[in-house]
C-alpha atoms as a PDB file:
ATOM      1  CA  MET A   1      47.992  85.751 -29.255  1.00  0.00           C
ATOM      2  CA  PHE A   2      47.664  84.649 -32.484  1.00  0.00           C
ATOM      3  CA  SER A   3      46.319  81.795 -34.231  1.00  0.00           C
ATOM      4  CA  LEU A   4      48.390  80.770 -36.974  1.00  0.00           C
ATOM      5  CA  ARG A   5      46.257  77.624 -37.630  1.00  0.00           C
ATOM      6  CA  PHE A   6      42.588  80.062 -38.100  1.00  0.00           C
ATOM      7  CA  GLN A   7      44.448  83.089 -39.087  1.00  0.00           C
ATOM      8  CA  LEU A   8      43.268  85.246 -35.879  1.00  0.00           C
ATOM      9  CA  THR A   9      43.878  87.299 -33.023  1.00  0.00           C
ATOM     10  CA  VAL A  10      42.876  85.304 -30.006  1.00  0.00           C
ATOM     11  CA  VAL A  11      40.857  87.072 -27.885  1.00  0.00           C
ATOM     12  CA  VAL A  12      40.001  84.895 -23.967  1.00  0.00           C
ATOM     13  CA  THR A  13      36.810  86.278 -21.698  1.00  0.00           C
ATOM     14  CA  PRO A  14      37.011  86.986 -18.447  1.00  0.00           C
ATOM     15  CA  HIS A  15      34.986  83.736 -17.540  1.00  0.00           C
ATOM     16  CA  ALA A  16      37.388  81.514 -19.533  1.00  0.00           C
ATOM     17  CA  ARG A  17      40.940  83.453 -17.742  1.00  0.00           C
ATOM     18  CA  LYS A  18      39.017  82.414 -14.477  1.00  0.00           C
ATOM     19  CA  ARG A  19      38.655  79.033 -15.543  1.00  0.00           C
ATOM     20  CA  MET A  20      41.967  79.082 -16.608  1.00  0.00           C
ATOM     21  CA  LEU A  21      43.536  80.185 -13.402  1.00  0.00           C
ATOM     22  CA  GLU A  22      41.302  77.844 -11.681  1.00  0.00           C
ATOM     23  CA  ARG A  23      43.049  74.488 -13.748  1.00  0.00           C
ATOM     24  CA  GLU A  24      46.532  76.220 -13.887  1.00  0.00           C
ATOM     25  CA  LEU A  25      46.573  76.147 -17.993  1.00  0.00           C
ATOM     26  CA  THR A  26      48.981  78.288 -19.544  1.00  0.00           C
ATOM     27  CA  ASP A  27      47.991  80.803 -22.625  1.00  0.00           C
ATOM     28  CA  ALA A  28      51.198  78.941 -24.240  1.00  0.00           C
ATOM     29  CA  GLN A  29      48.802  75.436 -23.387  1.00  0.00           C
ATOM     30  CA  LEU A  30      45.717  77.180 -24.465  1.00  0.00           C
ATOM     31  CA  LEU A  31      47.448  78.067 -28.210  1.00  0.00           C
ATOM     32  CA  ASP A  32      48.432  74.711 -28.417  1.00  0.00           C
ATOM     33  CA  ILE A  33      44.890  73.263 -27.825  1.00  0.00           C
ATOM     34  CA  ILE A  34      44.218  75.802 -30.518  1.00  0.00           C
ATOM     35  CA  GLU A  35      47.178  75.098 -33.054  1.00  0.00           C
ATOM     36  CA  THR A  36      46.640  71.547 -32.926  1.00  0.00           C
ATOM     37  CA  GLY A  37      43.140  70.261 -30.875  1.00  0.00           C
ATOM     38  CA  VAL A  38      40.677  68.390 -32.459  1.00  0.00           C
ATOM     39  CA  ASP A  39      38.394  70.628 -34.509  1.00  0.00           C
ATOM     40  CA  LYS A  40      34.335  69.624 -33.687  1.00  0.00           C
ATOM     41  CA  ASP A  41      31.969  72.071 -35.310  1.00  0.00           C
ATOM     42  CA  ALA A  42      28.983  72.978 -32.486  1.00  0.00           C
ATOM     43  CA  GLY A  43      26.991  75.064 -34.333  1.00  0.00           C
ATOM     44  CA  VAL A  44      27.298  78.204 -36.782  1.00  0.00           C
ATOM     45  CA  GLY A  45      30.383  79.818 -35.939  1.00  0.00           C
ATOM     46  CA  HIS A  46      30.925  77.873 -32.928  1.00  0.00           C
ATOM     47  CA  HIS A  47      33.774  75.001 -32.326  1.00  0.00           C
ATOM     48  CA  TRP A  48      35.254  73.003 -29.488  1.00  0.00           C
ATOM     49  CA  LEU A  49      38.462  72.659 -29.769  1.00  0.00           C
ATOM     50  CA  PHE A  50      40.129  69.655 -27.878  1.00  0.00           C
ATOM     51  CA  LYS A  51      43.027  67.733 -26.827  1.00  0.00           C
ATOM     52  CA  HIS A  52      44.847  65.495 -24.046  1.00  0.00           C
ATOM     53  CA  LEU A  53      48.000  67.117 -22.869  1.00  0.00           C
ATOM     54  CA  ASP A  54      50.669  65.217 -21.349  1.00  0.00           C
ATOM     55  CA  GLY A  55      51.123  64.970 -17.446  1.00  0.00           C
ATOM     56  CA  ARG A  56      47.771  66.049 -16.435  1.00  0.00           C
ATOM     57  CA  ASN A  57      45.209  64.387 -14.335  1.00  0.00           C
ATOM     58  CA  ASP A  58      42.248  66.091 -15.513  1.00  0.00           C
ATOM     59  CA  ASN A  59      41.942  65.489 -19.502  1.00  0.00           C
ATOM     60  CA  LEU A  60      40.185  65.619 -21.985  1.00  0.00           C
ATOM     61  CA  LEU A  61      40.861  69.554 -22.345  1.00  0.00           C
ATOM     62  CA  CYS A  62      38.636  71.810 -24.398  1.00  0.00           C
ATOM     63  CA  ALA A  63      38.149  75.255 -25.288  1.00  0.00           C
ATOM     64  CA  ALA A  64      34.829  76.513 -26.644  1.00  0.00           C
ATOM     65  CA  VAL A  65      35.471  79.025 -29.257  1.00  0.00           C
ATOM     66  CA  VAL A  66      33.430  81.521 -31.583  1.00  0.00           C
ATOM     67  CA  LEU A  67      35.146  82.689 -34.790  1.00  0.00           C
ATOM     68  CA  ASP A  68      34.526  85.366 -36.072  1.00  0.00           C
ATOM     69  CA  ASN A  69      36.601  88.834 -36.419  1.00  0.00           C
ATOM     70  CA  ALA A  70      38.463  87.387 -33.944  1.00  0.00           C
ATOM     71  CA  LEU A  71      38.781  83.427 -32.480  1.00  0.00           C
ATOM     72  CA  VAL A  72      36.996  84.113 -29.227  1.00  0.00           C
ATOM     73  CA  VAL A  73      37.896  81.583 -25.829  1.00  0.00           C
ATOM     74  CA  LYS A  74      34.382  81.610 -24.126  1.00  0.00           C
ATOM     75  CA  ALA A  75      35.232  78.535 -21.764  1.00  0.00           C
ATOM     76  CA  VAL A  76      37.869  76.451 -21.099  1.00  0.00           C
ATOM     77  CA  MET A  77      36.911  72.929 -19.941  1.00  0.00           C
ATOM     78  CA  HIS A  78      38.472  69.871 -18.357  1.00  0.00           C
ATOM     79  CA  HIS A  79      37.306  66.103 -18.225  1.00  0.00           C
ATOM     80  CA  TRP A  80      35.732  67.135 -21.361  1.00  0.00           C
ATOM     81  CA  GLU A  81      33.716  64.386 -23.539  1.00  0.00           C
ATOM     82  CA  PRO A  82      32.945  64.963 -27.201  1.00  0.00           C
ATOM     83  CA  LEU A  83      29.513  64.261 -28.257  1.00  0.00           C
ATOM     84  CA  PRO A  84      29.113  61.761 -30.802  1.00  0.00           C
END
């Protein structure tokens, strides 16, 4: 996968891939969150990318990512709530 938004290759960790499978989240849906979701800074190089996806009852979906030489998806969460 490649993110046009961040101009980086997307790398999904084994942990994030496992959570995607458990939550029935496709690569296309993950890429949609990355490309069009809200970007909240979570500290140096770390971001939360989150979005409501129509037709799902486990929203808000969030990808915890690290921006470096690649966009590394380290976790995928559901029923997520951003901190103030």
